[in-house]
N, C-alpha and C. Protein backbone atom coordinates (compact mmCIF):
# COMPACT_ATOMS: atom_id res chain seq x y z
N MET A 1 0.85 -1.17 0.00
CA MET A 1 0.00 0.00 0.00
C MET A 1 0.90 1.23 0.00
N VAL A 2 0.67 2.13 -0.90
CA VAL A 2 1.44 3.36 -0.96
C VAL A 2 0.57 4.49 -0.44
N LEU A 3 0.84 4.94 0.79
CA LEU A 3 0.06 6.01 1.39
C LEU A 3 0.62 7.38 1.04
N MET A 4 1.91 7.40 0.71
CA MET A 4 2.54 8.66 0.35
C MET A 4 3.78 8.34 -0.47
N ALA A 5 4.21 9.32 -1.25
CA ALA A 5 5.40 9.16 -2.07
C ALA A 5 6.63 9.01 -1.18
N VAL A 6 7.66 8.39 -1.71
CA VAL A 6 8.88 8.11 -0.94
C VAL A 6 9.45 9.37 -0.29
N PRO A 7 9.63 10.49 -1.00
CA PRO A 7 10.20 11.67 -0.34
C PRO A 7 9.33 12.16 0.83
N ARG A 8 8.01 12.12 0.64
CA ARG A 8 7.10 12.54 1.72
C ARG A 8 7.19 11.57 2.89
N PHE A 9 7.28 10.28 2.59
CA PHE A 9 7.43 9.24 3.62
C PHE A 9 8.70 9.48 4.44
N GLU A 10 9.79 9.73 3.77
CA GLU A 10 11.07 9.98 4.46
C GLU A 10 10.98 11.25 5.31
N ARG A 11 10.41 12.31 4.75
CA ARG A 11 10.28 13.58 5.47
C ARG A 11 9.37 13.43 6.69
N PHE A 12 8.30 12.67 6.52
CA PHE A 12 7.35 12.45 7.61
C PHE A 12 8.04 11.81 8.82
N PHE A 13 8.79 10.76 8.61
CA PHE A 13 9.44 10.06 9.72
C PHE A 13 10.54 10.90 10.36
N ARG A 14 11.24 11.69 9.55
CA ARG A 14 12.24 12.60 10.13
C ARG A 14 11.56 13.64 10.99
N SER A 15 10.47 14.17 10.51
CA SER A 15 9.74 15.20 11.23
C SER A 15 9.09 14.64 12.50
N ALA A 16 8.53 13.46 12.42
CA ALA A 16 7.80 12.87 13.55
C ALA A 16 8.71 12.41 14.67
N ALA A 17 9.93 11.92 14.33
CA ALA A 17 10.77 11.35 15.39
C ALA A 17 12.27 11.40 15.09
N GLY A 18 12.67 12.07 14.05
CA GLY A 18 14.10 12.11 13.73
C GLY A 18 14.63 10.78 13.27
N VAL A 19 13.79 9.99 12.62
CA VAL A 19 14.16 8.67 12.14
C VAL A 19 14.28 8.72 10.62
N ASP A 20 15.35 8.15 10.10
CA ASP A 20 15.55 8.10 8.65
C ASP A 20 15.08 6.75 8.12
N VAL A 21 14.08 6.80 7.26
CA VAL A 21 13.60 5.61 6.57
C VAL A 21 13.86 5.80 5.09
N ASP A 22 13.77 4.72 4.34
CA ASP A 22 13.98 4.83 2.91
C ASP A 22 12.90 4.04 2.17
N LYS A 23 13.00 4.04 0.86
CA LYS A 23 11.95 3.39 0.07
C LYS A 23 11.82 1.91 0.38
N ASN A 24 12.87 1.27 0.85
CA ASN A 24 12.79 -0.15 1.21
C ASN A 24 11.91 -0.37 2.44
N ASP A 25 11.76 0.66 3.26
CA ASP A 25 10.92 0.56 4.46
C ASP A 25 9.45 0.80 4.15
N LEU A 26 9.15 1.30 2.98
CA LEU A 26 7.78 1.65 2.62
C LEU A 26 6.86 0.43 2.66
N ARG A 27 7.34 -0.72 2.23
CA ARG A 27 6.53 -1.95 2.27
C ARG A 27 6.20 -2.35 3.70
N ARG A 28 7.21 -2.29 4.57
CA ARG A 28 6.98 -2.63 5.98
C ARG A 28 5.96 -1.69 6.60
N TYR A 29 6.12 -0.42 6.28
CA TYR A 29 5.21 0.59 6.78
C TYR A 29 3.78 0.32 6.28
N GLY A 30 3.64 0.02 5.01
CA GLY A 30 2.32 -0.29 4.45
C GLY A 30 1.70 -1.50 5.11
N ASP A 31 2.49 -2.53 5.34
CA ASP A 31 1.99 -3.73 6.02
C ASP A 31 1.55 -3.40 7.44
N PHE A 32 2.35 -2.58 8.13
CA PHE A 32 2.01 -2.18 9.49
C PHE A 32 0.66 -1.45 9.51
N VAL A 33 0.52 -0.45 8.66
CA VAL A 33 -0.71 0.34 8.63
C VAL A 33 -1.90 -0.56 8.28
N ASN A 34 -1.73 -1.39 7.29
CA ASN A 34 -2.78 -2.30 6.87
C ASN A 34 -3.23 -3.18 8.04
N ASP A 35 -2.29 -3.79 8.72
CA ASP A 35 -2.61 -4.69 9.83
C ASP A 35 -3.30 -3.96 10.98
N LYS A 36 -2.79 -2.80 11.34
CA LYS A 36 -3.34 -2.09 12.50
C LYS A 36 -4.72 -1.50 12.21
N VAL A 37 -4.92 -0.97 11.01
CA VAL A 37 -6.24 -0.46 10.67
C VAL A 37 -7.25 -1.61 10.66
N HIS A 38 -6.84 -2.74 10.11
CA HIS A 38 -7.73 -3.90 10.11
C HIS A 38 -8.04 -4.33 11.55
N ASP A 39 -7.03 -4.37 12.41
CA ASP A 39 -7.26 -4.73 13.81
C ASP A 39 -8.25 -3.78 14.47
N LEU A 40 -8.09 -2.47 14.23
CA LEU A 40 -9.00 -1.49 14.82
C LEU A 40 -10.43 -1.70 14.30
N LEU A 41 -10.56 -2.01 13.02
CA LEU A 41 -11.89 -2.23 12.45
C LEU A 41 -12.52 -3.52 12.96
N VAL A 42 -11.73 -4.55 13.16
CA VAL A 42 -12.26 -5.80 13.72
C VAL A 42 -12.81 -5.56 15.13
N MET A 43 -12.06 -4.81 15.93
CA MET A 43 -12.55 -4.50 17.28
C MET A 43 -13.75 -3.55 17.21
N GLY A 44 -13.72 -2.62 16.26
CA GLY A 44 -14.87 -1.73 16.06
C GLY A 44 -16.12 -2.51 15.69
N GLN A 45 -15.93 -3.52 14.88
CA GLN A 45 -17.05 -4.38 14.50
C GLN A 45 -17.64 -5.07 15.73
N ALA A 46 -16.78 -5.56 16.60
CA ALA A 46 -17.25 -6.21 17.82
C ALA A 46 -18.04 -5.23 18.69
N HIS A 47 -17.55 -4.00 18.80
CA HIS A 47 -18.27 -2.98 19.59
C HIS A 47 -19.61 -2.65 18.96
N ALA A 48 -19.64 -2.51 17.64
CA ALA A 48 -20.91 -2.19 16.96
C ALA A 48 -21.92 -3.32 17.16
N LYS A 49 -21.45 -4.56 17.02
CA LYS A 49 -22.35 -5.70 17.22
C LYS A 49 -22.88 -5.73 18.65
N ALA A 50 -22.00 -5.45 19.62
CA ALA A 50 -22.42 -5.44 21.01
C ALA A 50 -23.48 -4.37 21.27
N ASN A 51 -23.46 -3.32 20.46
CA ASN A 51 -24.44 -2.24 20.59
C ASN A 51 -25.59 -2.38 19.59
N HIS A 52 -25.69 -3.58 18.99
CA HIS A 52 -26.79 -3.94 18.08
C HIS A 52 -26.90 -2.98 16.89
N ARG A 53 -25.75 -2.66 16.32
CA ARG A 53 -25.71 -1.82 15.12
C ARG A 53 -25.09 -2.62 13.99
N ASP A 54 -25.44 -2.24 12.76
CA ASP A 54 -24.89 -2.95 11.61
C ASP A 54 -23.89 -2.11 10.82
N VAL A 55 -23.46 -1.00 11.41
CA VAL A 55 -22.48 -0.12 10.80
C VAL A 55 -21.43 0.23 11.85
N ILE A 56 -20.16 0.20 11.46
CA ILE A 56 -19.08 0.57 12.37
C ILE A 56 -18.95 2.08 12.37
N GLU A 57 -19.19 2.69 13.52
CA GLU A 57 -19.11 4.14 13.69
C GLU A 57 -17.77 4.49 14.34
N PRO A 58 -17.33 5.75 14.24
CA PRO A 58 -16.05 6.15 14.85
C PRO A 58 -15.94 5.80 16.33
N SER A 59 -17.03 5.93 17.05
CA SER A 59 -17.00 5.62 18.49
C SER A 59 -16.78 4.14 18.77
N ASP A 60 -16.94 3.30 17.77
CA ASP A 60 -16.71 1.86 17.94
C ASP A 60 -15.22 1.51 17.90
N LEU A 61 -14.43 2.36 17.27
CA LEU A 61 -13.00 2.06 17.13
C LEU A 61 -12.30 2.26 18.47
N PRO A 62 -11.43 1.33 18.84
CA PRO A 62 -10.73 1.43 20.13
C PRO A 62 -9.55 2.40 20.07
N VAL A 63 -9.87 3.68 19.92
CA VAL A 63 -8.83 4.71 19.86
C VAL A 63 -8.49 5.07 21.30
N THR A 64 -7.29 4.69 21.71
CA THR A 64 -6.83 4.94 23.07
C THR A 64 -6.40 6.40 23.24
N LYS A 65 -6.17 6.78 24.48
CA LYS A 65 -5.69 8.13 24.77
C LYS A 65 -4.37 8.39 24.04
N GLY A 66 -3.48 7.42 24.07
CA GLY A 66 -2.18 7.57 23.41
C GLY A 66 -2.32 7.72 21.90
N LEU A 67 -3.19 6.92 21.28
CA LEU A 67 -3.40 7.05 19.85
C LEU A 67 -4.04 8.39 19.52
N GLN A 68 -4.97 8.84 20.36
CA GLN A 68 -5.60 10.13 20.13
C GLN A 68 -4.56 11.25 20.20
N GLU A 69 -3.64 11.17 21.15
CA GLU A 69 -2.57 12.17 21.24
C GLU A 69 -1.67 12.11 20.00
N SER A 70 -1.42 10.92 19.49
CA SER A 70 -0.63 10.79 18.26
C SER A 70 -1.37 11.37 17.06
N ILE A 71 -2.68 11.25 17.05
CA ILE A 71 -3.48 11.87 15.99
C ILE A 71 -3.33 13.39 16.05
N HIS A 72 -3.36 13.94 17.26
CA HIS A 72 -3.17 15.39 17.41
C HIS A 72 -1.78 15.81 16.94
N ARG A 73 -0.76 15.01 17.27
CA ARG A 73 0.60 15.32 16.80
C ARG A 73 0.68 15.23 15.28
N PHE A 74 -0.02 14.26 14.70
CA PHE A 74 -0.06 14.14 13.25
C PHE A 74 -0.65 15.40 12.62
N ARG A 75 -1.74 15.89 13.18
CA ARG A 75 -2.36 17.10 12.65
C ARG A 75 -1.38 18.28 12.69
N SER A 76 -0.60 18.35 13.76
CA SER A 76 0.33 19.48 13.89
C SER A 76 1.51 19.37 12.92
N LEU A 77 1.78 18.16 12.41
CA LEU A 77 2.86 17.99 11.43
C LEU A 77 2.44 18.50 10.06
N ASP A 78 1.16 18.67 9.85
CA ASP A 78 0.63 19.19 8.59
C ASP A 78 1.07 18.32 7.40
N GLU A 79 0.99 17.01 7.57
CA GLU A 79 1.27 16.07 6.49
C GLU A 79 -0.06 15.52 5.99
N ASP A 80 -0.05 14.98 4.81
CA ASP A 80 -1.27 14.49 4.19
C ASP A 80 -1.14 13.00 3.88
N ILE A 81 -2.15 12.26 4.25
CA ILE A 81 -2.23 10.85 3.89
C ILE A 81 -3.54 10.68 3.14
N GLU A 82 -3.45 10.15 1.93
CA GLU A 82 -4.63 10.05 1.08
C GLU A 82 -5.52 8.89 1.50
N LEU A 83 -6.82 9.11 1.36
CA LEU A 83 -7.80 8.10 1.73
C LEU A 83 -7.90 6.98 0.69
N LYS A 84 -7.76 7.30 -0.58
CA LYS A 84 -7.96 6.31 -1.63
C LYS A 84 -7.09 5.06 -1.46
N PRO A 85 -5.77 5.18 -1.21
CA PRO A 85 -4.97 3.96 -1.03
C PRO A 85 -5.39 3.15 0.20
N ILE A 86 -5.85 3.82 1.23
CA ILE A 86 -6.32 3.11 2.43
C ILE A 86 -7.54 2.27 2.07
N LEU A 87 -8.48 2.87 1.38
CA LEU A 87 -9.70 2.16 1.01
C LEU A 87 -9.41 1.02 0.03
N GLU A 88 -8.49 1.26 -0.89
CA GLU A 88 -8.13 0.19 -1.83
C GLU A 88 -7.53 -0.99 -1.10
N GLN A 89 -6.71 -0.72 -0.11
CA GLN A 89 -6.08 -1.80 0.64
C GLN A 89 -7.10 -2.52 1.52
N LEU A 90 -8.03 -1.76 2.12
CA LEU A 90 -9.06 -2.39 2.94
C LEU A 90 -9.91 -3.36 2.11
N ALA A 91 -10.09 -3.05 0.85
CA ALA A 91 -10.88 -3.93 -0.01
C ALA A 91 -10.21 -5.28 -0.23
N THR A 92 -8.89 -5.37 0.01
CA THR A 92 -8.19 -6.64 -0.18
C THR A 92 -8.14 -7.48 1.10
N LEU A 93 -8.60 -6.92 2.22
CA LEU A 93 -8.57 -7.63 3.49
C LEU A 93 -9.76 -8.59 3.59
N PRO A 94 -9.67 -9.53 4.52
CA PRO A 94 -10.84 -10.38 4.73
C PRO A 94 -12.05 -9.49 5.04
N PRO A 95 -13.18 -9.79 4.45
CA PRO A 95 -14.35 -8.91 4.64
C PRO A 95 -14.82 -8.91 6.09
N LEU A 96 -15.34 -7.78 6.49
CA LEU A 96 -15.96 -7.65 7.80
C LEU A 96 -17.43 -8.02 7.67
N ASP A 97 -18.06 -8.36 8.78
CA ASP A 97 -19.48 -8.69 8.77
C ASP A 97 -20.34 -7.43 8.65
N LEU A 98 -19.81 -6.32 9.11
CA LEU A 98 -20.56 -5.07 9.11
C LEU A 98 -19.94 -4.08 8.13
N SER A 99 -20.71 -3.12 7.72
CA SER A 99 -20.17 -2.08 6.85
C SER A 99 -19.50 -1.00 7.71
N ILE A 100 -18.63 -0.25 7.07
CA ILE A 100 -17.91 0.83 7.74
C ILE A 100 -18.65 2.12 7.43
N GLY A 101 -19.05 2.84 8.47
CA GLY A 101 -19.80 4.07 8.30
C GLY A 101 -18.99 5.15 7.59
N GLU A 102 -19.69 6.07 6.95
CA GLU A 102 -19.03 7.14 6.21
C GLU A 102 -18.15 8.00 7.12
N GLU A 103 -18.62 8.32 8.31
CA GLU A 103 -17.80 9.11 9.24
C GLU A 103 -16.54 8.35 9.65
N THR A 104 -16.67 7.05 9.78
CA THR A 104 -15.51 6.22 10.13
C THR A 104 -14.51 6.23 8.99
N VAL A 105 -14.99 6.08 7.77
CA VAL A 105 -14.11 6.13 6.60
C VAL A 105 -13.40 7.48 6.53
N ASP A 106 -14.14 8.55 6.78
CA ASP A 106 -13.55 9.89 6.73
C ASP A 106 -12.48 10.09 7.79
N ARG A 107 -12.58 9.34 8.86
CA ARG A 107 -11.62 9.48 9.97
C ARG A 107 -10.35 8.65 9.76
N LEU A 108 -10.37 7.70 8.85
CA LEU A 108 -9.24 6.79 8.66
C LEU A 108 -7.91 7.48 8.36
N PRO A 109 -7.86 8.51 7.52
CA PRO A 109 -6.55 9.14 7.28
C PRO A 109 -5.91 9.69 8.56
N GLU A 110 -6.70 10.29 9.43
CA GLU A 110 -6.13 10.78 10.69
C GLU A 110 -5.69 9.64 11.60
N ILE A 111 -6.45 8.56 11.59
CA ILE A 111 -6.06 7.40 12.40
C ILE A 111 -4.76 6.82 11.85
N VAL A 112 -4.65 6.69 10.54
CA VAL A 112 -3.41 6.22 9.93
C VAL A 112 -2.27 7.17 10.27
N GLY A 113 -2.54 8.46 10.21
CA GLY A 113 -1.52 9.45 10.58
C GLY A 113 -1.08 9.29 12.02
N GLY A 114 -2.03 9.09 12.92
CA GLY A 114 -1.70 8.88 14.33
C GLY A 114 -0.90 7.61 14.55
N LEU A 115 -1.29 6.55 13.87
CA LEU A 115 -0.53 5.30 13.96
C LEU A 115 0.89 5.50 13.43
N SER A 116 1.02 6.28 12.38
CA SER A 116 2.33 6.53 11.77
C SER A 116 3.23 7.33 12.70
N VAL A 117 2.67 8.35 13.34
CA VAL A 117 3.45 9.13 14.31
C VAL A 117 3.86 8.24 15.47
N ALA A 118 2.92 7.44 15.97
CA ALA A 118 3.23 6.54 17.09
C ALA A 118 4.31 5.53 16.69
N LEU A 119 4.25 5.02 15.47
CA LEU A 119 5.26 4.09 14.98
C LEU A 119 6.63 4.76 14.98
N ALA A 120 6.71 5.94 14.39
CA ALA A 120 8.00 6.65 14.31
C ALA A 120 8.56 6.90 15.70
N GLN A 121 7.73 7.31 16.62
CA GLN A 121 8.21 7.61 17.97
C GLN A 121 8.55 6.35 18.74
N THR A 122 7.89 5.26 18.45
CA THR A 122 8.19 4.00 19.13
C THR A 122 9.57 3.48 18.74
N PHE A 123 10.00 3.75 17.51
CA PHE A 123 11.37 3.38 17.13
C PHE A 123 12.36 3.96 18.12
N LYS A 124 12.16 5.21 18.50
CA LYS A 124 13.08 5.90 19.42
C LYS A 124 12.95 5.38 20.85
N ILE A 125 11.79 4.91 21.21
CA ILE A 125 11.61 4.33 22.55
C ILE A 125 12.29 2.96 22.62
N VAL A 126 12.09 2.15 21.59
CA VAL A 126 12.68 0.82 21.54
C VAL A 126 14.20 0.90 21.48
N ASP A 127 14.71 1.85 20.70
CA ASP A 127 16.16 2.03 20.56
C ASP A 127 16.45 3.52 20.41
N PRO A 128 16.75 4.21 21.53
CA PRO A 128 16.94 5.67 21.49
C PRO A 128 18.02 6.14 20.53
N ASP A 129 18.97 5.28 20.19
CA ASP A 129 20.06 5.67 19.31
C ASP A 129 19.80 5.38 17.83
N VAL A 130 18.64 4.80 17.52
CA VAL A 130 18.38 4.41 16.14
C VAL A 130 18.28 5.66 15.24
N LYS A 131 18.90 5.56 14.11
CA LYS A 131 18.82 6.62 13.09
C LYS A 131 18.05 6.10 11.88
N ASN A 132 18.44 4.90 11.44
CA ASN A 132 17.79 4.27 10.30
C ASN A 132 17.39 2.86 10.74
N PRO A 133 16.12 2.65 11.07
CA PRO A 133 15.71 1.35 11.62
C PRO A 133 15.99 0.19 10.68
N ALA A 134 16.61 -0.81 11.24
CA ALA A 134 16.88 -2.06 10.51
C ALA A 134 15.74 -3.04 10.80
N THR A 135 15.83 -4.20 10.20
CA THR A 135 14.79 -5.22 10.37
C THR A 135 14.50 -5.49 11.84
N GLN A 136 15.53 -5.59 12.65
CA GLN A 136 15.35 -5.88 14.07
C GLN A 136 14.52 -4.80 14.76
N GLN A 137 14.77 -3.53 14.49
CA GLN A 137 13.99 -2.46 15.11
C GLN A 137 12.54 -2.47 14.60
N TRP A 138 12.36 -2.74 13.32
CA TRP A 138 11.00 -2.84 12.79
C TRP A 138 10.24 -3.97 13.49
N GLU A 139 10.88 -5.12 13.64
CA GLU A 139 10.22 -6.27 14.28
C GLU A 139 9.87 -5.97 15.73
N ARG A 140 10.80 -5.39 16.47
CA ARG A 140 10.54 -5.04 17.87
C ARG A 140 9.41 -4.03 18.00
N THR A 141 9.47 -3.03 17.17
CA THR A 141 8.47 -1.97 17.24
C THR A 141 7.09 -2.51 16.88
N MET A 142 7.01 -3.30 15.84
CA MET A 142 5.72 -3.88 15.47
C MET A 142 5.20 -4.85 16.53
N SER A 143 6.12 -5.52 17.23
CA SER A 143 5.72 -6.41 18.33
C SER A 143 5.05 -5.63 19.44
N VAL A 144 5.54 -4.44 19.71
CA VAL A 144 4.91 -3.58 20.73
C VAL A 144 3.47 -3.27 20.32
N PHE A 145 3.27 -2.88 19.07
CA PHE A 145 1.94 -2.57 18.59
C PHE A 145 1.04 -3.79 18.59
N ASN A 146 1.57 -4.94 18.23
CA ASN A 146 0.77 -6.17 18.23
C ASN A 146 0.33 -6.52 19.64
N LEU A 147 1.15 -6.20 20.61
CA LEU A 147 0.80 -6.46 21.99
C LEU A 147 -0.31 -5.53 22.49
N LEU A 148 -0.27 -4.28 22.02
CA LEU A 148 -1.17 -3.27 22.56
C LEU A 148 -2.42 -3.01 21.72
N LEU A 149 -2.36 -3.24 20.43
CA LEU A 149 -3.54 -2.96 19.57
C LEU A 149 -4.11 -4.24 19.01
């Protein structure tokens, strides 16, 4: 999934956490975003079903305080993540039982932005000296997210 062009991707991670990524990291990043958005939607589906609704609304998504703060930091970075690639990628995932509400779809770019900021900053938490994350740092960082989201 290509959410942004390589130069924008590199600039985003430098701006968010002082981390240098390159075009080879774009695939890992796309996989990360794809997996986490799907995880959020699966949990959102469970919340919607528990509330006897057939549409996943924004309030159904398990957006934690930390993710919400990362969304705010994303907004302050003034970067853009396009919705079209997110929706195209979601169409390739296993189908959900419920539909995704329009407001939820509209919120996805900011959620992806927040996840991206959190990812960049987690690299620095996992390894404060990292400049250009290698496979090991990507695996550790994604393990943290898999544990928490």
